[in-house]
C-alpha atoms as a PDB file:
ATOM      1  CA  MET A   1       0.000   0.000   0.000  1.00  0.00           C
ATOM      2  CA  THR A   2       1.234   3.501  -0.846  1.00  0.00           C
ATOM      3  CA  ALA A   3       0.169   6.967   0.250  1.00  0.00           C
ATOM      4  CA  GLY A   4      -1.963   7.111  -2.884  1.00  0.00           C
ATOM      5  CA  HIS A   5      -4.126   4.324  -1.482  1.00  0.00           C
ATOM      6  CA  ILE A   6      -5.064   6.393   1.568  1.00  0.00           C
ATOM      7  CA  GLN A   7      -8.217   8.077   0.376  1.00  0.00           C
ATOM      8  CA  ASP A   8     -10.495  10.669   1.942  1.00  0.00           C
ATOM      9  CA  PHE A   9      -8.419  11.165   5.083  1.00  0.00           C
ATOM     10  CA  ALA A  10     -10.318  13.670   7.220  1.00  0.00           C
ATOM     11  CA  CYS A  11     -10.831  14.659  10.840  1.00  0.00           C
ATOM     12  CA  PHE A  12     -13.662  16.285  12.743  1.00  0.00           C
ATOM     13  CA  THR A  13     -14.368  17.089  16.379  1.00  0.00           C
ATOM     14  CA  ASP A  14     -17.293  17.733  18.687  1.00  0.00           C
ATOM     15  CA  PHE A  15     -15.010  20.444  20.205  1.00  0.00           C
ATOM     16  CA  ASP A  16     -15.735  19.081  23.632  1.00  0.00           C
ATOM     17  CA  LYS A  17     -14.485  15.548  24.189  1.00  0.00           C
ATOM     18  CA  GLU A  18     -13.071  13.924  21.064  1.00  0.00           C
ATOM     19  CA  LEU A  19     -11.230  14.376  17.783  1.00  0.00           C
ATOM     20  CA  VAL A  20     -12.065  11.695  15.200  1.00  0.00           C
ATOM     21  CA  CYS A  21      -9.993  10.924  12.107  1.00  0.00           C
ATOM     22  CA  HIS A  22     -10.966   8.419   9.431  1.00  0.00           C
ATOM     23  CA  TRP A  23      -9.834   7.253   6.010  1.00  0.00           C
ATOM     24  CA  LYS A  24     -10.914   4.786   3.362  1.00  0.00           C
ATOM     25  CA  VAL A  25      -9.178   1.422   3.044  1.00  0.00           C
ATOM     26  CA  PRO A  26      -9.594  -1.630   0.796  1.00  0.00           C
ATOM     27  CA  ALA A  27     -11.990  -4.352   1.912  1.00  0.00           C
ATOM     28  CA  GLN A  28     -10.601  -6.898   4.384  1.00  0.00           C
ATOM     29  CA  THR A  29      -8.128  -4.389   5.865  1.00  0.00           C
ATOM     30  CA  ASN A  30      -7.445  -4.958   9.561  1.00  0.00           C
ATOM     31  CA  CYS A  31      -7.119  -1.383  10.780  1.00  0.00           C
ATOM     32  CA  SER A  32      -5.817  -2.070  14.280  1.00  0.00           C
ATOM     33  CA  LYS A  33      -3.087  -4.429  13.029  1.00  0.00           C
ATOM     34  CA  GLU A  34      -1.964  -2.548   9.931  1.00  0.00           C
ATOM     35  CA  PHE A  35      -2.201   1.111  11.001  1.00  0.00           C
ATOM     36  CA  LEU A  36      -1.164   3.427  13.807  1.00  0.00           C
ATOM     37  CA  LEU A  37      -1.926   7.120  14.044  1.00  0.00           C
ATOM     38  CA  TRP A  38       0.641   9.235  15.898  1.00  0.00           C
ATOM     39  CA  TYR A  39      -0.339  12.683  17.076  1.00  0.00           C
ATOM     40  CA  SER A  40       1.100  15.570  19.039  1.00  0.00           C
ATOM     41  CA  LYS A  41       0.066  19.075  20.008  1.00  0.00           C
ATOM     42  CA  GLU A  42       2.584  20.856  17.771  1.00  0.00           C
ATOM     43  CA  VAL A  43       5.996  20.276  19.442  1.00  0.00           C
ATOM     44  CA  SER A  44       4.825  18.223  22.408  1.00  0.00           C
ATOM     45  CA  VAL A  45       5.286  14.487  23.051  1.00  0.00           C
ATOM     46  CA  LEU A  46       4.042  11.986  20.443  1.00  0.00           C
ATOM     47  CA  ASN A  47       0.955   9.988  21.396  1.00  0.00           C
ATOM     48  CA  MET A  48      -0.438   6.877  19.735  1.00  0.00           C
ATOM     49  CA  CYS A  49      -3.967   6.125  18.571  1.00  0.00           C
ATOM     50  CA  VAL A  50      -4.887   2.587  17.473  1.00  0.00           C
ATOM     51  CA  PRO A  51      -7.562   2.729  14.754  1.00  0.00           C
ATOM     52  CA  GLU A  52     -10.591   0.474  14.483  1.00  0.00           C
ATOM     53  CA  ASN A  53     -12.623  -0.753  11.534  1.00  0.00           C
ATOM     54  CA  GLU A  54     -15.962   0.910  10.979  1.00  0.00           C
ATOM     55  CA  LYS A  55     -18.974  -1.358  10.631  1.00  0.00           C
ATOM     56  CA  ASP A  56     -18.740  -1.529   6.851  1.00  0.00           C
ATOM     57  CA  SER A  57     -14.986  -2.352   7.135  1.00  0.00           C
ATOM     58  CA  LEU A  58     -14.204   0.138   4.362  1.00  0.00           C
ATOM     59  CA  ARG A  59     -12.919   2.865   6.676  1.00  0.00           C
ATOM     60  CA  CYS A  60     -10.527   3.049   9.591  1.00  0.00           C
ATOM     61  CA  THR A  61     -11.404   5.369  12.463  1.00  0.00           C
ATOM     62  CA  CYS A  62      -9.178   6.731  15.218  1.00  0.00           C
ATOM     63  CA  THR A  63     -10.665   8.607  18.163  1.00  0.00           C
ATOM     64  CA  ILE A  64      -8.392  10.956  20.106  1.00  0.00           C
ATOM     65  CA  TYR A  65      -9.479  12.275  23.505  1.00  0.00           C
ATOM     66  CA  PRO A  66      -7.640  15.570  24.082  1.00  0.00           C
ATOM     67  CA  ASP A  67      -7.143  17.006  27.556  1.00  0.00           C
ATOM     68  CA  PHE A  68      -8.619  20.300  26.404  1.00  0.00           C
ATOM     69  CA  PHE A  69      -9.718  22.295  23.369  1.00  0.00           C
ATOM     70  CA  VAL A  70      -8.721  25.850  22.510  1.00  0.00           C
ATOM     71  CA  SER A  71      -9.317  27.793  19.316  1.00  0.00           C
ATOM     72  CA  GLY A  72      -5.673  28.078  18.235  1.00  0.00           C
ATOM     73  CA  LEU A  73      -4.581  24.500  18.920  1.00  0.00           C
ATOM     74  CA  THR A  74      -3.158  22.461  16.002  1.00  0.00           C
ATOM     75  CA  TYR A  75      -2.358  18.748  15.983  1.00  0.00           C
ATOM     76  CA  ILE A  76       0.434  17.190  13.948  1.00  0.00           C
ATOM     77  CA  LEU A  77      -0.551  13.710  12.724  1.00  0.00           C
ATOM     78  CA  ALA A  78       1.467  10.898  11.186  1.00  0.00           C
ATOM     79  CA  LEU A  79      -0.220   7.800   9.783  1.00  0.00           C
ATOM     80  CA  GLN A  80       1.864   4.639   9.983  1.00  0.00           C
ATOM     81  CA  PHE A  81       1.183   1.572   7.826  1.00  0.00           C
ATOM     82  CA  ASN A  82       2.946  -1.694   8.714  1.00  0.00           C
ATOM     83  CA  GLY A  83       5.687   0.179  10.524  1.00  0.00           C
ATOM     84  CA  THR A  84       6.271   2.890   7.909  1.00  0.00           C
ATOM     85  CA  VAL A  85       5.047   6.468   8.201  1.00  0.00           C
ATOM     86  CA  MET A  86       3.301   7.174   4.913  1.00  0.00           C
ATOM     87  CA  TRP A  87       1.033  10.137   5.565  1.00  0.00           C
ATOM     88  CA  ASN A  88       1.573  13.431   7.403  1.00  0.00           C
ATOM     89  CA  TYR A  89      -1.231  15.767   8.248  1.00  0.00           C
ATOM     90  CA  SER A  90      -2.025  18.707  10.480  1.00  0.00           C
ATOM     91  CA  VAL A  91      -5.446  19.548  11.813  1.00  0.00           C
ATOM     92  CA  THR A  92      -6.797  22.502  13.786  1.00  0.00           C
ATOM     93  CA  PRO A  93      -9.861  21.245  15.689  1.00  0.00           C
ATOM     94  CA  ALA A  94     -11.576  24.654  15.654  1.00  0.00           C
ATOM     95  CA  LEU A  95     -11.684  24.462  11.842  1.00  0.00           C
ATOM     96  CA  VAL A  96     -13.294  21.006  11.669  1.00  0.00           C
ATOM     97  CA  VAL A  97     -16.064  21.222  14.265  1.00  0.00           C
ATOM     98  CA  LYS A  98     -18.942  18.807  13.739  1.00  0.00           C
ATOM     99  CA  PRO A  99     -21.248  19.527  16.665  1.00  0.00           C
ATOM    100  CA  ARG A 100     -23.231  16.918  18.482  1.00  0.00           C
ATOM    101  CA  ALA A 101     -26.854  16.705  17.424  1.00  0.00           C
ATOM    102  CA  PRO A 102     -29.501  18.442  19.538  1.00  0.00           C
ATOM    103  CA  LYS A 103     -31.004  16.192  22.200  1.00  0.00           C
ATOM    104  CA  ASN A 104     -34.301  15.575  23.993  1.00  0.00           C
ATOM    105  CA  LEU A 105     -36.426  16.378  20.964  1.00  0.00           C
ATOM    106  CA  ALA A 106     -40.082  16.597  21.958  1.00  0.00           C
ATOM    107  CA  ILE A 107     -43.332  17.670  20.361  1.00  0.00           C
ATOM    108  CA  GLU A 108     -46.565  18.892  21.913  1.00  0.00           C
ATOM    109  CA  LYS A 109     -49.878  19.885  20.442  1.00  0.00           C
ATOM    110  CA  ALA A 110     -50.811  23.485  21.227  1.00  0.00           C
ATOM    111  CA  GLU A 111     -54.312  24.783  21.979  1.00  0.00           C
ATOM    112  CA  ASN A 112     -54.517  26.270  18.471  1.00  0.00           C
ATOM    113  CA  GLY A 113     -53.959  22.802  16.982  1.00  0.00           C
ATOM    114  CA  ASN A 114     -50.386  23.464  15.829  1.00  0.00           C
ATOM    115  CA  PHE A 115     -47.393  21.382  16.959  1.00  0.00           C
ATOM    116  CA  ASN A 116     -44.602  22.850  19.088  1.00  0.00           C
ATOM    117  CA  LEU A 117     -41.285  21.110  18.464  1.00  0.00           C
ATOM    118  CA  SER A 118     -38.620  21.685  21.136  1.00  0.00           C
ATOM    119  CA  TRP A 119     -35.087  20.444  21.855  1.00  0.00           C
ATOM    120  CA  GLU A 120     -31.994  21.047  23.977  1.00  0.00           C
ATOM    121  CA  GLU A 121     -28.368  21.835  23.205  1.00  0.00           C
ATOM    122  CA  SER A 122     -26.053  18.837  23.614  1.00  0.00           C
ATOM    123  CA  TYR A 123     -23.321  20.766  25.434  1.00  0.00           C
ATOM    124  CA  SER A 124     -22.914  21.516  29.126  1.00  0.00           C
ATOM    125  CA  SER A 125     -22.352  25.064  30.341  1.00  0.00           C
ATOM    126  CA  SER A 126     -18.605  24.375  30.703  1.00  0.00           C
ATOM    127  CA  SER A 127     -18.190  23.525  27.001  1.00  0.00           C
ATOM    128  CA  LEU A 128     -16.586  25.962  24.568  1.00  0.00           C
ATOM    129  CA  LEU A 129     -19.657  25.719  22.330  1.00  0.00           C
ATOM    130  CA  SER A 130     -22.190  26.369  25.059  1.00  0.00           C
ATOM    131  CA  GLY A 131     -23.938  29.671  24.410  1.00  0.00           C
ATOM    132  CA  GLN A 132     -22.229  30.202  21.050  1.00  0.00           C
ATOM    133  CA  PRO A 133     -24.333  31.490  18.123  1.00  0.00           C
ATOM    134  CA  VAL A 134     -26.101  28.512  16.581  1.00  0.00           C
ATOM    135  CA  ILE A 135     -28.566  27.936  13.771  1.00  0.00           C
ATOM    136  CA  TYR A 136     -30.916  25.002  13.395  1.00  0.00           C
ATOM    137  CA  GLU A 137     -32.666  23.164  10.613  1.00  0.00           C
ATOM    138  CA  VAL A 138     -35.944  21.369  11.235  1.00  0.00           C
ATOM    139  CA  LYS A 139     -37.215  18.737   8.840  1.00  0.00           C
ATOM    140  CA  TYR A 140     -40.494  16.856   8.911  1.00  0.00           C
ATOM    141  CA  TRP A 141     -42.309  14.507   6.573  1.00  0.00           C
ATOM    142  CA  ARG A 142     -45.245  12.165   6.306  1.00  0.00           C
ATOM    143  CA  LYS A 143     -44.242   8.785   7.662  1.00  0.00           C
ATOM    144  CA  GLN A 144     -45.708   7.075   4.600  1.00  0.00           C
ATOM    145  CA  HIS A 145     -43.901   9.462   2.188  1.00  0.00           C
ATOM    146  CA  PRO A 146     -40.320   9.951   3.468  1.00  0.00           C
ATOM    147  CA  THR A 147     -39.152  11.608   0.235  1.00  0.00           C
ATOM    148  CA  GLU A 148     -41.571  14.534   0.621  1.00  0.00           C
ATOM    149  CA  VAL A 149     -39.535  16.428   3.210  1.00  0.00           C
ATOM    150  CA  SER A 150     -40.096  19.978   4.431  1.00  0.00           C
ATOM    151  CA  VAL A 151     -36.949  21.704   5.726  1.00  0.00           C
ATOM    152  CA  LYS A 152     -37.118  24.952   7.689  1.00  0.00           C
ATOM    153  CA  ALA A 153     -34.113  27.067   8.717  1.00  0.00           C
ATOM    154  CA  ILE A 154     -34.117  28.812  12.096  1.00  0.00           C
ATOM    155  CA  ASN A 155     -31.594  31.641  12.035  1.00  0.00           C
ATOM    156  CA  TYR A 156     -32.144  32.920  15.538  1.00  0.00           C
ATOM    157  CA  GLN A 157     -31.392  31.737  19.038  1.00  0.00           C
ATOM    158  CA  ALA A 158     -34.394  29.500  19.587  1.00  0.00           C
ATOM    159  CA  LYS A 159     -34.794  25.916  20.680  1.00  0.00           C
ATOM    160  CA  SER A 160     -38.338  25.478  19.443  1.00  0.00           C
ATOM    161  CA  PHE A 161     -40.324  25.611  16.242  1.00  0.00           C
ATOM    162  CA  GLU A 162     -44.065  25.691  15.543  1.00  0.00           C
ATOM    163  CA  ILE A 163     -45.302  23.387  12.798  1.00  0.00           C
ATOM    164  CA  THR A 164     -48.610  24.709  11.448  1.00  0.00           C
ATOM    165  CA  ALA A 165     -51.200  21.942  11.461  1.00  0.00           C
ATOM    166  CA  SER A 166     -53.084  23.397   8.497  1.00  0.00           C
ATOM    167  CA  SER A 167     -49.959  22.949   6.348  1.00  0.00           C
ATOM    168  CA  LEU A 168     -50.035  19.198   6.980  1.00  0.00           C
ATOM    169  CA  LYS A 169     -52.308  16.578   5.511  1.00  0.00           C
ATOM    170  CA  ARG A 170     -55.046  15.616   7.925  1.00  0.00           C
ATOM    171  CA  GLY A 171     -55.119  12.081   9.286  1.00  0.00           C
ATOM    172  CA  TYR A 172     -51.447  11.252   8.675  1.00  0.00           C
ATOM    173  CA  ASP A 173     -48.533  10.396  10.943  1.00  0.00           C
ATOM    174  CA  TYR A 174     -45.527  12.720  10.678  1.00  0.00           C
ATOM    175  CA  ILE A 175     -41.895  12.478  11.752  1.00  0.00           C
ATOM    176  CA  ALA A 176     -39.630  15.392  12.680  1.00  0.00           C
ATOM    177  CA  SER A 177     -35.905  15.843  13.336  1.00  0.00           C
ATOM    178  CA  VAL A 178     -33.487  18.737  13.884  1.00  0.00           C
ATOM    179  CA  ARG A 179     -29.771  19.469  13.396  1.00  0.00           C
ATOM    180  CA  CYS A 180     -27.468  22.377  14.235  1.00  0.00           C
ATOM    181  CA  ASN A 181     -24.471  24.382  13.062  1.00  0.00           C
ATOM    182  CA  TYR A 182     -22.433  26.831  15.139  1.00  0.00           C
ATOM    183  CA  THR A 183     -21.867  29.957  13.064  1.00  0.00           C
ATOM    184  CA  ASP A 184     -18.392  30.678  14.483  1.00  0.00           C
ATOM    185  CA  TYR A 185     -17.347  27.073  13.718  1.00  0.00           C
ATOM    186  CA  PRO A 186     -19.251  26.371  10.482  1.00  0.00           C
ATOM    187  CA  ALA A 187     -17.273  23.489   8.943  1.00  0.00           C
ATOM    188  CA  TYR A 188     -19.919  20.800   9.466  1.00  0.00           C
ATOM    189  CA  TRP A 189     -23.575  20.462  10.378  1.00  0.00           C
ATOM    190  CA  SER A 190     -24.347  18.001  13.127  1.00  0.00           C
ATOM    191  CA  GLU A 191     -26.037  14.731  12.358  1.00  0.00           C
ATOM    192  CA  TRP A 192     -29.828  14.808  12.481  1.00  0.00           C
ATOM    193  CA  SER A 193     -31.220  14.284  15.949  1.00  0.00           C
ATOM    194  CA  GLU A 194     -33.334  11.390  17.073  1.00  0.00           C
ATOM    195  CA  GLU A 195     -36.776  11.561  15.519  1.00  0.00           C
ATOM    196  CA  VAL A 196     -40.161  12.244  17.076  1.00  0.00           C
ATOM    197  CA  GLU A 197     -43.471  11.097  15.642  1.00  0.00           C
ATOM    198  CA  PHE A 198     -46.823  12.856  15.805  1.00  0.00           C
ATOM    199  CA  HIS A 199     -50.286  12.496  14.304  1.00  0.00           C
ATOM    200  CA  ASN A 200     -52.109  15.327  12.558  1.00  0.00           C
ATOM    201  CA  ASP A 201     -55.853  15.161  13.187  1.00  0.00           C
ATOM    202  CA  TYR A 202     -56.337  18.848  12.428  1.00  0.00           C
ATOM    203  CA  GLN A 203     -59.962  19.822  11.834  1.00  0.00           C
ATOM    204  CA  MET A 204     -60.772  22.849   9.684  1.00  0.00           C
ATOM    205  CA  LYS A 205     -62.333  25.642  11.724  1.00  0.00           C
ATOM    206  CA  ALA A 206     -64.937  28.156  10.605  1.00  0.00           C
ATOM    207  CA  GLU A 207     -62.332  30.887  10.154  1.00  0.00           C
ATOM    208  CA  ASP A 208     -60.218  28.571   7.946  1.00  0.00           C
ATOM    209  CA  ILE A 209     -63.227  27.869   5.738  1.00  0.00           C
ATOM    210  CA  LEU A 210     -64.002  31.597   5.621  1.00  0.00           C
ATOM    211  CA  GLN A 211     -60.403  32.404   4.622  1.00  0.00           C
ATOM    212  CA  MET A 212     -60.711  29.963   1.743  1.00  0.00           C
ATOM    213  CA  ALA A 213     -64.232  31.004   0.791  1.00  0.00           C
ATOM    214  CA  VAL A 214     -63.599  34.759   0.484  1.00  0.00           C
ATOM    215  CA  PRO A 215     -60.866  34.568  -2.197  1.00  0.00           C
ATOM    216  CA  THR A 216     -62.825  31.887  -4.052  1.00  0.00           C
ATOM    217  CA  SER A 217     -65.951  34.055  -4.018  1.00  0.00           C
ATOM    218  CA  CYS A 218     -63.976  37.053  -5.305  1.00  0.00           C
ATOM    219  CA  ILE A 219     -62.605  35.002  -8.175  1.00  0.00           C
ATOM    220  CA  LEU A 220     -66.085  33.730  -9.077  1.00  0.00           C
ATOM    221  CA  ILE A 221     -67.525  37.262  -8.966  1.00  0.00           C
ATOM    222  CA  VAL A 222     -64.773  38.615 -11.229  1.00  0.00           C
ATOM    223  CA  ALA A 223     -65.183  35.693 -13.623  1.00  0.00           C
ATOM    224  CA  GLY A 224     -68.952  36.185 -13.682  1.00  0.00           C
ATOM    225  CA  SER A 225     -68.546  39.903 -14.348  1.00  0.00           C
ATOM    226  CA  VAL A 226     -66.220  39.237 -17.286  1.00  0.00           C
ATOM    227  CA  ILE A 227     -68.629  36.703 -18.769  1.00  0.00           C
ATOM    228  CA  CYS A 228     -71.574  39.112 -18.372  1.00  0.00           C
ATOM    229  CA  TYR A 229     -69.555  41.925 -19.974  1.00  0.00           C
ATOM    230  CA  PHE A 230     -68.765  39.844 -23.063  1.00  0.00           C
ATOM    231  CA  CYS A 231     -72.380  38.661 -23.287  1.00  0.00           C
ATOM    232  CA  PHE A 232     -73.592  42.258 -23.043  1.00  0.00           C
ATOM    233  CA  THR A 233     -71.177  43.574 -25.689  1.00  0.00           C
ATOM    234  CA  LYS A 234     -72.333  40.890 -28.123  1.00  0.00           C
END
């Protein structure tokens, strides 16, 4: 194997507990026997990380657990294959932040019939990311039609979102999820959170019917006037 066979080497971090590096390998590769990843904080002592095979066995993954994270910190990495260093790399964790997904996603039906989706940040108050500017994306879809997805961006500091019941099809089950991105560390979005399921049994109210009826009536009146005008002119 040569350096050219190491494909898609990349690292990302939750900027709180771990720095993860992974790379593609041929099938049947035994990551922990064939590779070692050496790392150091710039000029400090070398440390060793023993990689593991991912579930599909087509990637090796090494998880480093730093003592701390700071914005200016850079790691020097050296990938060793069967005793020979064949790949050198440097990574600054602050530039490859992939935040943890929001947690404790919940949904409640409001008195107006809409659905209030809420969640929590996955970082404790002592984390560097806690309280940092963050944006969210909410997606939801009919359970029976997973390809028809609605995605809404939330560009303000909120941990909730109201899904309007009247925008959903009545009588269907829906699924919702949310992810986040920290605007000062924008390299990666988080994974999508765990999903919540809810049922839309929204019933049209009198005011909804009225809102639909008024524009329809206006259109019919205009159309009738035009028809009468042409009939009169003839």
